[in-house]
Amino acid sequence: MSRQNRERIAALGEKEEKPFDWKAIFERFVREVDAEFRRLGSHGASELAASLYTGSAFVLYGKEREQLNEVSRINEQFREIERQQEELQRGL
């Protein structure tokens, strides 16, 4: 084992364990809870608006809406490919 590796291993053993920073942990927790409540509030407002406008409380949210749009786009591309294949088969 080289001298440099031995020094690195020795340095690893000398590191002190730091105590938890409870204040920072609590502040992060509060920020995350606050963000979640804000998100839930905006979703609730969307559901209320949807139920008043359409009579249904079903609302697609962020990721779900994006995924649905992606699936629709892929399905359309697939249909276009099928149409092109049918045209090629008719032409042969």
PDB file of N, CA and C in Angstrom:
ATOM      1  N   MET A   1       0.857  -1.170   0.000  1.00  0.00           N
ATOM      2  CA  MET A   1       0.000   0.000   0.000  1.00  0.00           C
ATOM      3  C   MET A   1       0.901   1.231   0.000  1.00  0.00           C
ATOM      4  N   SER A   2       0.580   2.171  -0.844  1.00  0.00           N
ATOM      5  CA  SER A   2       1.413   3.361  -0.956  1.00  0.00           C
ATOM      6  C   SER A   2       1.229   4.272   0.255  1.00  0.00           C
ATOM      7  N   ARG A   3       2.196   5.139   0.432  1.00  0.00           N
ATOM      8  CA  ARG A   3       2.162   6.092   1.554  1.00  0.00           C
ATOM      9  C   ARG A   3       0.952   7.013   1.435  1.00  0.00           C
ATOM     10  N   GLN A   4       0.657   7.429   0.217  1.00  0.00           N
ATOM     11  CA  GLN A   4      -0.471   8.340  -0.017  1.00  0.00           C
ATOM     12  C   GLN A   4      -1.792   7.680   0.388  1.00  0.00           C
ATOM     13  N   ASN A   5      -1.971   6.412   0.035  1.00  0.00           N
ATOM     14  CA  ASN A   5      -3.195   5.701   0.415  1.00  0.00           C
ATOM     15  C   ASN A   5      -3.298   5.542   1.925  1.00  0.00           C
ATOM     16  N   ARG A   6      -2.156   5.247   2.590  1.00  0.00           N
ATOM     17  CA  ARG A   6      -2.171   5.120   4.049  1.00  0.00           C
ATOM     18  C   ARG A   6      -2.567   6.434   4.705  1.00  0.00           C
ATOM     19  N   GLU A   7      -2.088   7.553   4.157  1.00  0.00           N
ATOM     20  CA  GLU A   7      -2.439   8.866   4.710  1.00  0.00           C
ATOM     21  C   GLU A   7      -3.927   9.150   4.529  1.00  0.00           C
ATOM     22  N   ARG A   8      -4.473   8.773   3.391  1.00  0.00           N
ATOM     23  CA  ARG A   8      -5.904   8.977   3.148  1.00  0.00           C
ATOM     24  C   ARG A   8      -6.749   8.163   4.131  1.00  0.00           C
ATOM     25  N   ILE A   9      -6.352   6.913   4.336  1.00  0.00           N
ATOM     26  CA  ILE A   9      -7.091   6.052   5.258  1.00  0.00           C
ATOM     27  C   ILE A   9      -6.997   6.596   6.676  1.00  0.00           C
ATOM     28  N   ALA A  10      -5.821   7.064   7.068  1.00  0.00           N
ATOM     29  CA  ALA A  10      -5.654   7.632   8.408  1.00  0.00           C
ATOM     30  C   ALA A  10      -6.503   8.885   8.570  1.00  0.00           C
ATOM     31  N   ALA A  11      -6.575   9.701   7.521  1.00  0.00           N
ATOM     32  CA  ALA A  11      -7.377  10.929   7.582  1.00  0.00           C
ATOM     33  C   ALA A  11      -8.860  10.604   7.722  1.00  0.00           C
ATOM     34  N   LEU A  12      -9.306   9.522   7.100  1.00  0.00           N
ATOM     35  CA  LEU A  12     -10.711   9.127   7.226  1.00  0.00           C
ATOM     36  C   LEU A  12     -11.054   8.766   8.665  1.00  0.00           C
ATOM     37  N   GLY A  13     -10.141   8.113   9.345  1.00  0.00           N
ATOM     38  CA  GLY A  13     -10.383   7.729  10.725  1.00  0.00           C
ATOM     39  C   GLY A  13     -10.380   8.903  11.681  1.00  0.00           C
ATOM     40  N   GLU A  14      -9.755  10.009  11.307  1.00  0.00           N
ATOM     41  CA  GLU A  14      -9.640  11.169  12.186  1.00  0.00           C
ATOM     42  C   GLU A  14     -10.837  12.103  12.118  1.00  0.00           C
ATOM     43  N   LYS A  15     -11.718  11.916  11.152  1.00  0.00           N
ATOM     44  CA  LYS A  15     -12.854  12.833  11.004  1.00  0.00           C
ATOM     45  C   LYS A  15     -13.782  12.728  12.202  1.00  0.00           C
ATOM     46  N   GLU A  16     -14.230  13.871  12.674  1.00  0.00           N
ATOM     47  CA  GLU A  16     -15.177  13.914  13.784  1.00  0.00           C
ATOM     48  C   GLU A  16     -16.593  13.806  13.244  1.00  0.00           C
ATOM     49  N   GLU A  17     -17.445  13.158  14.025  1.00  0.00           N
ATOM     50  CA  GLU A  17     -18.851  13.132  13.653  1.00  0.00           C
ATOM     51  C   GLU A  17     -19.493  14.412  14.143  1.00  0.00           C
ATOM     52  N   LYS A  18     -20.175  15.090  13.249  1.00  0.00           N
ATOM     53  CA  LYS A  18     -20.837  16.341  13.610  1.00  0.00           C
ATOM     54  C   LYS A  18     -22.212  16.032  14.191  1.00  0.00           C
ATOM     55  N   PRO A  19     -22.608  16.770  15.212  1.00  0.00           N
ATOM     56  CA  PRO A  19     -23.959  16.563  15.756  1.00  0.00           C
ATOM     57  C   PRO A  19     -25.000  17.052  14.756  1.00  0.00           C
ATOM     58  N   PHE A  20     -26.208  16.510  14.885  1.00  0.00           N
ATOM     59  CA  PHE A  20     -27.284  16.940  13.999  1.00  0.00           C
ATOM     60  C   PHE A  20     -27.566  18.419  14.190  1.00  0.00           C
ATOM     61  N   ASP A  21     -27.829  19.074  13.095  1.00  0.00           N
ATOM     62  CA  ASP A  21     -28.249  20.478  13.142  1.00  0.00           C
ATOM     63  C   ASP A  21     -29.773  20.478  13.137  1.00  0.00           C
ATOM     64  N   TRP A  22     -30.363  20.323  14.320  1.00  0.00           N
ATOM     65  CA  TRP A  22     -31.807  20.190  14.443  1.00  0.00           C
ATOM     66  C   TRP A  22     -32.548  21.393  13.902  1.00  0.00           C
ATOM     67  N   LYS A  23     -31.959  22.561  14.062  1.00  0.00           N
ATOM     68  CA  LYS A  23     -32.622  23.779  13.579  1.00  0.00           C
ATOM     69  C   LYS A  23     -32.766  23.735  12.062  1.00  0.00           C
ATOM     70  N   ALA A  24     -31.691  23.365  11.365  1.00  0.00           N
ATOM     71  CA  ALA A  24     -31.729  23.288   9.899  1.00  0.00           C
ATOM     72  C   ALA A  24     -32.697  22.200   9.437  1.00  0.00           C
ATOM     73  N   ILE A  25     -32.705  21.075  10.149  1.00  0.00           N
ATOM     74  CA  ILE A  25     -33.616  19.986   9.790  1.00  0.00           C
ATOM     75  C   ILE A  25     -35.062  20.437   9.952  1.00  0.00           C
ATOM     76  N   PHE A  26     -35.355  21.109  11.065  1.00  0.00           N
ATOM     77  CA  PHE A  26     -36.713  21.585  11.314  1.00  0.00           C
ATOM     78  C   PHE A  26     -37.130  22.630  10.280  1.00  0.00           C
ATOM     79  N   GLU A  27     -36.213  23.560   9.944  1.00  0.00           N
ATOM     80  CA  GLU A  27     -36.533  24.589   8.942  1.00  0.00           C
ATOM     81  C   GLU A  27     -36.831  23.959   7.592  1.00  0.00           C
ATOM     82  N   ARG A  28     -36.071  22.941   7.211  1.00  0.00           N
ATOM     83  CA  ARG A  28     -36.318  22.258   5.934  1.00  0.00           C
ATOM     84  C   ARG A  28     -37.670  21.552   5.966  1.00  0.00           C
ATOM     85  N   PHE A  29     -37.965  20.909   7.088  1.00  0.00           N
ATOM     86  CA  PHE A  29     -39.247  20.230   7.249  1.00  0.00           C
ATOM     87  C   PHE A  29     -40.399  21.213   7.098  1.00  0.00           C
ATOM     88  N   VAL A  30     -40.287  22.369   7.742  1.00  0.00           N
ATOM     89  CA  VAL A  30     -41.348  23.380   7.671  1.00  0.00           C
ATOM     90  C   VAL A  30     -41.511  23.882   6.240  1.00  0.00           C
ATOM     91  N   ARG A  31     -40.409  24.098   5.529  1.00  0.00           N
ATOM     92  CA  ARG A  31     -40.487  24.556   4.128  1.00  0.00           C
ATOM     93  C   ARG A  31     -41.199  23.523   3.260  1.00  0.00           C
ATOM     94  N   GLU A  32     -40.869  22.241   3.455  1.00  0.00           N
ATOM     95  CA  GLU A  32     -41.493  21.192   2.647  1.00  0.00           C
ATOM     96  C   GLU A  32     -42.979  21.053   2.949  1.00  0.00           C
ATOM     97  N   VAL A  33     -43.345  21.150   4.227  1.00  0.00           N
ATOM     98  CA  VAL A  33     -44.756  21.070   4.596  1.00  0.00           C
ATOM     99  C   VAL A  33     -45.510  22.267   4.031  1.00  0.00           C
ATOM    100  N   ASP A  34     -44.903  23.443   4.103  1.00  0.00           N
ATOM    101  CA  ASP A  34     -45.530  24.651   3.557  1.00  0.00           C
ATOM    102  C   ASP A  34     -45.753  24.505   2.053  1.00  0.00           C
ATOM    103  N   ALA A  35     -44.742  23.999   1.340  1.00  0.00           N
ATOM    104  CA  ALA A  35     -44.875  23.807  -0.111  1.00  0.00           C
ATOM    105  C   ALA A  35     -45.982  22.802  -0.428  1.00  0.00           C
ATOM    106  N   GLU A  36     -46.077  21.744   0.371  1.00  0.00           N
ATOM    107  CA  GLU A  36     -47.119  20.737   0.140  1.00  0.00           C
ATOM    108  C   GLU A  36     -48.506  21.329   0.371  1.00  0.00           C
ATOM    109  N   PHE A  37     -48.665  22.112   1.435  1.00  0.00           N
ATOM    110  CA  PHE A  37     -49.964  22.741   1.689  1.00  0.00           C
ATOM    111  C   PHE A  37     -50.339  23.715   0.572  1.00  0.00           C
ATOM    112  N   ARG A  38     -49.362  24.450   0.054  1.00  0.00           N
ATOM    113  CA  ARG A  38     -49.642  25.367  -1.062  1.00  0.00           C
ATOM    114  C   ARG A  38     -50.094  24.586  -2.293  1.00  0.00           C
ATOM    115  N   ARG A  39     -49.412  23.463  -2.564  1.00  0.00           N
ATOM    116  CA  ARG A  39     -49.781  22.635  -3.718  1.00  0.00           C
ATOM    117  C   ARG A  39     -51.188  22.077  -3.545  1.00  0.00           C
ATOM    118  N   LEU A  40     -51.476  21.576  -2.355  1.00  0.00           N
ATOM    119  CA  LEU A  40     -52.811  21.035  -2.104  1.00  0.00           C
ATOM    120  C   LEU A  40     -53.874  22.120  -2.215  1.00  0.00           C
ATOM    121  N   GLY A  41     -53.550  23.329  -1.765  1.00  0.00           N
ATOM    122  CA  GLY A  41     -54.500  24.436  -1.875  1.00  0.00           C
ATOM    123  C   GLY A  41     -54.806  24.783  -3.318  1.00  0.00           C
ATOM    124  N   SER A  42     -53.777  24.805  -4.162  1.00  0.00           N
ATOM    125  CA  SER A  42     -54.011  25.127  -5.575  1.00  0.00           C
ATOM    126  C   SER A  42     -54.807  24.014  -6.252  1.00  0.00           C
ATOM    127  N   HIS A  43     -54.551  22.760  -5.879  1.00  0.00           N
ATOM    128  CA  HIS A  43     -55.326  21.654  -6.452  1.00  0.00           C
ATOM    129  C   HIS A  43     -56.780  21.733  -6.008  1.00  0.00           C
ATOM    130  N   GLY A  44     -56.990  22.079  -4.741  1.00  0.00           N
ATOM    131  CA  GLY A  44     -58.356  22.217  -4.245  1.00  0.00           C
ATOM    132  C   GLY A  44     -59.101  23.314  -4.968  1.00  0.00           C
ATOM    133  N   ALA A  45     -58.406  24.420  -5.236  1.00  0.00           N
ATOM    134  CA  ALA A  45     -59.039  25.514  -5.974  1.00  0.00           C
ATOM    135  C   ALA A  45     -59.404  25.068  -7.387  1.00  0.00           C
ATOM    136  N   SER A  46     -58.535  24.278  -8.018  1.00  0.00           N
ATOM    137  CA  SER A  46     -58.825  23.768  -9.361  1.00  0.00           C
ATOM    138  C   SER A  46     -60.028  22.834  -9.343  1.00  0.00           C
ATOM    139  N   GLU A  47     -60.103  21.975  -8.320  1.00  0.00           N
ATOM    140  CA  GLU A  47     -61.240  21.061  -8.221  1.00  0.00           C
ATOM    141  C   GLU A  47     -62.541  21.818  -8.011  1.00  0.00           C
ATOM    142  N   LEU A  48     -62.497  22.844  -7.172  1.00  0.00           N
ATOM    143  CA  LEU A  48     -63.695  23.636  -6.927  1.00  0.00           C
ATOM    144  C   LEU A  48     -64.143  24.331  -8.208  1.00  0.00           C
ATOM    145  N   ALA A  49     -63.196  24.926  -8.931  1.00  0.00           N
ATOM    146  CA  ALA A  49     -63.539  25.604 -10.179  1.00  0.00           C
ATOM    147  C   ALA A  49     -64.115  24.610 -11.190  1.00  0.00           C
ATOM    148  N   ALA A  50     -63.501  23.424 -11.281  1.00  0.00           N
ATOM    149  CA  ALA A  50     -63.987  22.414 -12.228  1.00  0.00           C
ATOM    150  C   ALA A  50     -65.386  21.946 -11.861  1.00  0.00           C
ATOM    151  N   SER A  51     -65.614  21.737 -10.570  1.00  0.00           N
ATOM    152  CA  SER A  51     -66.942  21.252 -10.170  1.00  0.00           C
ATOM    153  C   SER A  51     -68.008  22.313 -10.394  1.00  0.00           C
ATOM    154  N   LEU A  52     -67.666  23.578 -10.210  1.00  0.00           N
ATOM    155  CA  LEU A  52     -68.637  24.644 -10.449  1.00  0.00           C
ATOM    156  C   LEU A  52     -68.906  24.828 -11.943  1.00  0.00           C
ATOM    157  N   TYR A  53     -67.884  24.642 -12.768  1.00  0.00           N
ATOM    158  CA  TYR A  53     -68.017  24.884 -14.202  1.00  0.00           C
ATOM    159  C   TYR A  53     -68.628  23.694 -14.937  1.00  0.00           C
ATOM    160  N   THR A  54     -68.140  22.470 -14.606  1.00  0.00           N
ATOM    161  CA  THR A  54     -68.566  21.288 -15.366  1.00  0.00           C
ATOM    162  C   THR A  54     -69.455  20.340 -14.583  1.00  0.00           C
ATOM    163  N   GLY A  55     -69.504  20.513 -13.286  1.00  0.00           N
ATOM    164  CA  GLY A  55     -70.267  19.588 -12.470  1.00  0.00           C
ATOM    165  C   GLY A  55     -69.464  18.359 -12.078  1.00  0.00           C
ATOM    166  N   SER A  56     -68.192  18.322 -12.449  1.00  0.00           N
ATOM    167  CA  SER A  56     -67.320  17.204 -12.103  1.00  0.00           C
ATOM    168  C   SER A  56     -66.092  17.743 -11.388  1.00  0.00           C
ATOM    169  N   ALA A  57     -65.658  17.059 -10.343  1.00  0.00           N
ATOM    170  CA  ALA A  57     -64.479  17.505  -9.602  1.00  0.00           C
ATOM    171  C   ALA A  57     -63.201  16.855 -10.125  1.00  0.00           C
ATOM    172  N   PHE A  58     -63.280  16.124 -11.233  1.00  0.00           N
ATOM    173  CA  PHE A  58     -62.102  15.463 -11.781  1.00  0.00           C
ATOM    174  C   PHE A  58     -61.243  16.471 -12.531  1.00  0.00           C
ATOM    175  N   VAL A  59     -60.001  16.596 -12.126  1.00  0.00           N
ATOM    176  CA  VAL A  59     -59.075  17.533 -12.758  1.00  0.00           C
ATOM    177  C   VAL A  59     -57.748  16.814 -12.959  1.00  0.00           C
ATOM    178  N   LEU A  60     -57.192  16.903 -14.146  1.00  0.00           N
ATOM    179  CA  LEU A  60     -55.860  16.355 -14.380  1.00  0.00           C
ATOM    180  C   LEU A  60     -54.830  17.334 -13.845  1.00  0.00           C
ATOM    181  N   TYR A  61     -53.888  16.826 -13.088  1.00  0.00           N
ATOM    182  CA  TYR A  61     -52.852  17.671 -12.511  1.00  0.00           C
ATOM    183  C   TYR A  61     -51.577  17.555 -13.316  1.00  0.00           C
ATOM    184  N   GLY A  62     -50.626  18.421 -12.998  1.00  0.00           N
ATOM    185  CA  GLY A  62     -49.343  18.551 -13.668  1.00  0.00           C
ATOM    186  C   GLY A  62     -48.809  17.333 -14.385  1.00  0.00           C
ATOM    187  N   LYS A  63     -48.210  16.390 -13.666  1.00  0.00           N
ATOM    188  CA  LYS A  63     -47.565  15.245 -14.305  1.00  0.00           C
ATOM    189  C   LYS A  63     -48.554  14.387 -15.070  1.00  0.00           C
ATOM    190  N   GLU A  64     -49.722  14.179 -14.490  1.00  0.00           N
ATOM    191  CA  GLU A  64     -50.715  13.352 -15.161  1.00  0.00           C
ATOM    192  C   GLU A  64     -51.107  13.965 -16.500  1.00  0.00           C
ATOM    193  N   ARG A  65     -51.278  15.282 -16.521  1.00  0.00           N
ATOM    194  CA  ARG A  65     -51.643  15.968 -17.758  1.00  0.00           C
ATOM    195  C   ARG A  65     -50.515  15.840 -18.778  1.00  0.00           C
ATOM    196  N   GLU A  66     -49.272  16.022 -18.319  1.00  0.00           N
ATOM    197  CA  GLU A  66     -48.134  15.903 -19.227  1.00  0.00           C
ATOM    198  C   GLU A  66     -48.029  14.485 -19.778  1.00  0.00           C
ATOM    199  N   GLN A  67     -48.244  13.480 -18.917  1.00  0.00           N
ATOM    200  CA  GLN A  67     -48.170  12.096 -19.366  1.00  0.00           C
ATOM    201  C   GLN A  67     -49.277  11.792 -20.367  1.00  0.00           C
ATOM    202  N   LEU A  68     -50.469  12.300 -20.118  1.00  0.00           N
ATOM    203  CA  LEU A  68     -51.581  12.081 -21.038  1.00  0.00           C
ATOM    204  C   LEU A  68     -51.282  12.719 -22.392  1.00  0.00           C
ATOM    205  N   ASN A  69     -50.722  13.928 -22.382  1.00  0.00           N
ATOM    206  CA  ASN A  69     -50.359  14.587 -23.636  1.00  0.00           C
ATOM    207  C   ASN A  69     -49.296  13.787 -24.377  1.00  0.00           C
ATOM    208  N   GLU A  70     -48.329  13.238 -23.643  1.00  0.00           N
ATOM    209  CA  GLU A  70     -47.273  12.437 -24.261  1.00  0.00           C
ATOM    210  C   GLU A  70     -47.857  11.165 -24.876  1.00  0.00           C
ATOM    211  N   VAL A  71     -48.762  10.505 -24.169  1.00  0.00           N
ATOM    212  CA  VAL A  71     -49.402   9.293 -24.693  1.00  0.00           C
ATOM    213  C   VAL A  71     -50.204   9.625 -25.948  1.00  0.00           C
ATOM    214  N   SER A  72     -50.929  10.733 -25.929  1.00  0.00           N
ATOM    215  CA  SER A  72     -51.708  11.136 -27.102  1.00  0.00           C
ATOM    216  C   SER A  72     -50.800  11.395 -28.298  1.00  0.00           C
ATOM    217  N   ARG A  73     -49.672  12.050 -28.045  1.00  0.00           N
ATOM    218  CA  ARG A  73     -48.732  12.344 -29.123  1.00  0.00           C
ATOM    219  C   ARG A  73     -48.161  11.050 -29.698  1.00  0.00           C
ATOM    220  N   ILE A  74     -47.803  10.109 -28.834  1.00  0.00           N
ATOM    221  CA  ILE A  74     -47.254   8.831 -29.294  1.00  0.00           C
ATOM    222  C   ILE A  74     -48.304   8.048 -30.074  1.00  0.00           C
ATOM    223  N   ASN A  75     -49.544   8.043 -29.585  1.00  0.00           N
ATOM    224  CA  ASN A  75     -50.618   7.347 -30.305  1.00  0.00           C
ATOM    225  C   ASN A  75     -50.830   7.945 -31.686  1.00  0.00           C
ATOM    226  N   GLU A  76     -50.766   9.248 -31.794  1.00  0.00           N
ATOM    227  CA  GLU A  76     -50.937   9.892 -33.098  1.00  0.00           C
ATOM    228  C   GLU A  76     -49.797   9.518 -34.045  1.00  0.00           C
ATOM    229  N   GLN A  77     -48.575   9.487 -33.531  1.00  0.00           N
ATOM    230  CA  GLN A  77     -47.441   9.088 -34.358  1.00  0.00           C
ATOM    231  C   GLN A  77     -47.608   7.636 -34.826  1.00  0.00           C
ATOM    232  N   PHE A  78     -48.076   6.780 -33.928  1.00  0.00           N
ATOM    233  CA  PHE A  78     -48.290   5.376 -34.275  1.00  0.00           C
ATOM    234  C   PHE A  78     -49.341   5.251 -35.374  1.00  0.00           C
ATOM    235  N   ARG A  79     -50.444   6.005 -35.255  1.00  0.00           N
ATOM    236  CA  ARG A  79     -51.492   5.967 -36.286  1.00  0.00           C
ATOM    237  C   ARG A  79     -50.953   6.453 -37.627  1.00  0.00           C
ATOM    238  N   GLU A  80     -50.127   7.471 -37.603  1.00  0.00           N
ATOM    239  CA  GLU A  80     -49.541   7.994 -38.844  1.00  0.00           C
ATOM    240  C   GLU A  80     -48.650   6.937 -39.498  1.00  0.00           C
ATOM    241  N   ILE A  81     -47.876   6.236 -38.697  1.00  0.00           N
ATOM    242  CA  ILE A  81     -47.021   5.171 -39.235  1.00  0.00           C
ATOM    243  C   ILE A  81     -47.876   4.062 -39.841  1.00  0.00           C
ATOM    244  N   GLU A  82     -48.962   3.688 -39.162  1.00  0.00           N
ATOM    245  CA  GLU A  82     -49.861   2.661 -39.706  1.00  0.00           C
ATOM    246  C   GLU A  82     -50.467   3.107 -41.034  1.00  0.00           C
ATOM    247  N   ARG A  83     -50.877   4.383 -41.125  1.00  0.00           N
ATOM    248  CA  ARG A  83     -51.436   4.903 -42.387  1.00  0.00           C
ATOM    249  C   ARG A  83     -50.415   4.823 -43.513  1.00  0.00           C
ATOM    250  N   GLN A  84     -49.182   5.188 -43.208  1.00  0.00           N
ATOM    251  CA  GLN A  84     -48.136   5.139 -44.224  1.00  0.00           C
ATOM    252  C   GLN A  84     -47.877   3.703 -44.671  1.00  0.00           C
ATOM    253  N   GLN A  85     -47.891   2.765 -43.726  1.00  0.00           N
ATOM    254  CA  GLN A  85     -47.679   1.359 -44.085  1.00  0.00           C
ATOM    255  C   GLN A  85     -48.817   0.844 -44.967  1.00  0.00           C
ATOM    256  N   GLU A  86     -50.057   1.232 -44.645  1.00  0.00           N
ATOM    257  CA  GLU A  86     -51.201   0.816 -45.460  1.00  0.00           C
ATOM    258  C   GLU A  86     -51.090   1.379 -46.870  1.00  0.00           C
ATOM    259  N   GLU A  87     -50.670   2.634 -46.993  1.00  0.00           N
ATOM    260  CA  GLU A  87     -50.508   3.247 -48.316  1.00  0.00           C
ATOM    261  C   GLU A  87     -49.434   2.524 -49.113  1.00  0.00           C
ATOM    262  N   LEU A  88     -48.345   2.149 -48.452  1.00  0.00           N
ATOM    263  CA  LEU A  88     -47.283   1.420 -49.142  1.00  0.00           C
ATOM    264  C   LEU A  88     -47.773   0.052 -49.608  1.00  0.00           C
ATOM    265  N   GLN A  89     -48.559  -0.628 -48.784  1.00  0.00           N
ATOM    266  CA  GLN A  89     -49.071  -1.944 -49.161  1.00  0.00           C
ATOM    267  C   GLN A  89     -50.046  -1.835 -50.326  1.00  0.00           C
ATOM    268  N   ARG A  90     -50.848  -0.788 -50.357  1.00  0.00           N
ATOM    269  CA  ARG A  90     -51.780  -0.590 -51.472  1.00  0.00           C
ATOM    270  C   ARG A  90     -51.035  -0.298 -52.761  1.00  0.00           C
ATOM    271  N   GLY A  91     -49.938   0.395 -52.638  1.00  0.00           N
ATOM    272  CA  GLY A  91     -49.161   0.773 -53.814  1.00  0.00           C
ATOM    273  C   GLY A  91     -48.405  -0.390 -54.420  1.00  0.00           C
ATOM    274  N   LEU A  92     -48.148  -1.436 -53.630  1.00  0.00           N
ATOM    275  CA  LEU A  92     -47.379  -2.579 -54.145  1.00  0.00           C
ATOM    276  C   LEU A  92     -48.216  -3.490 -54.915  1.00  0.00           C
TER     277      LEU A  92
END
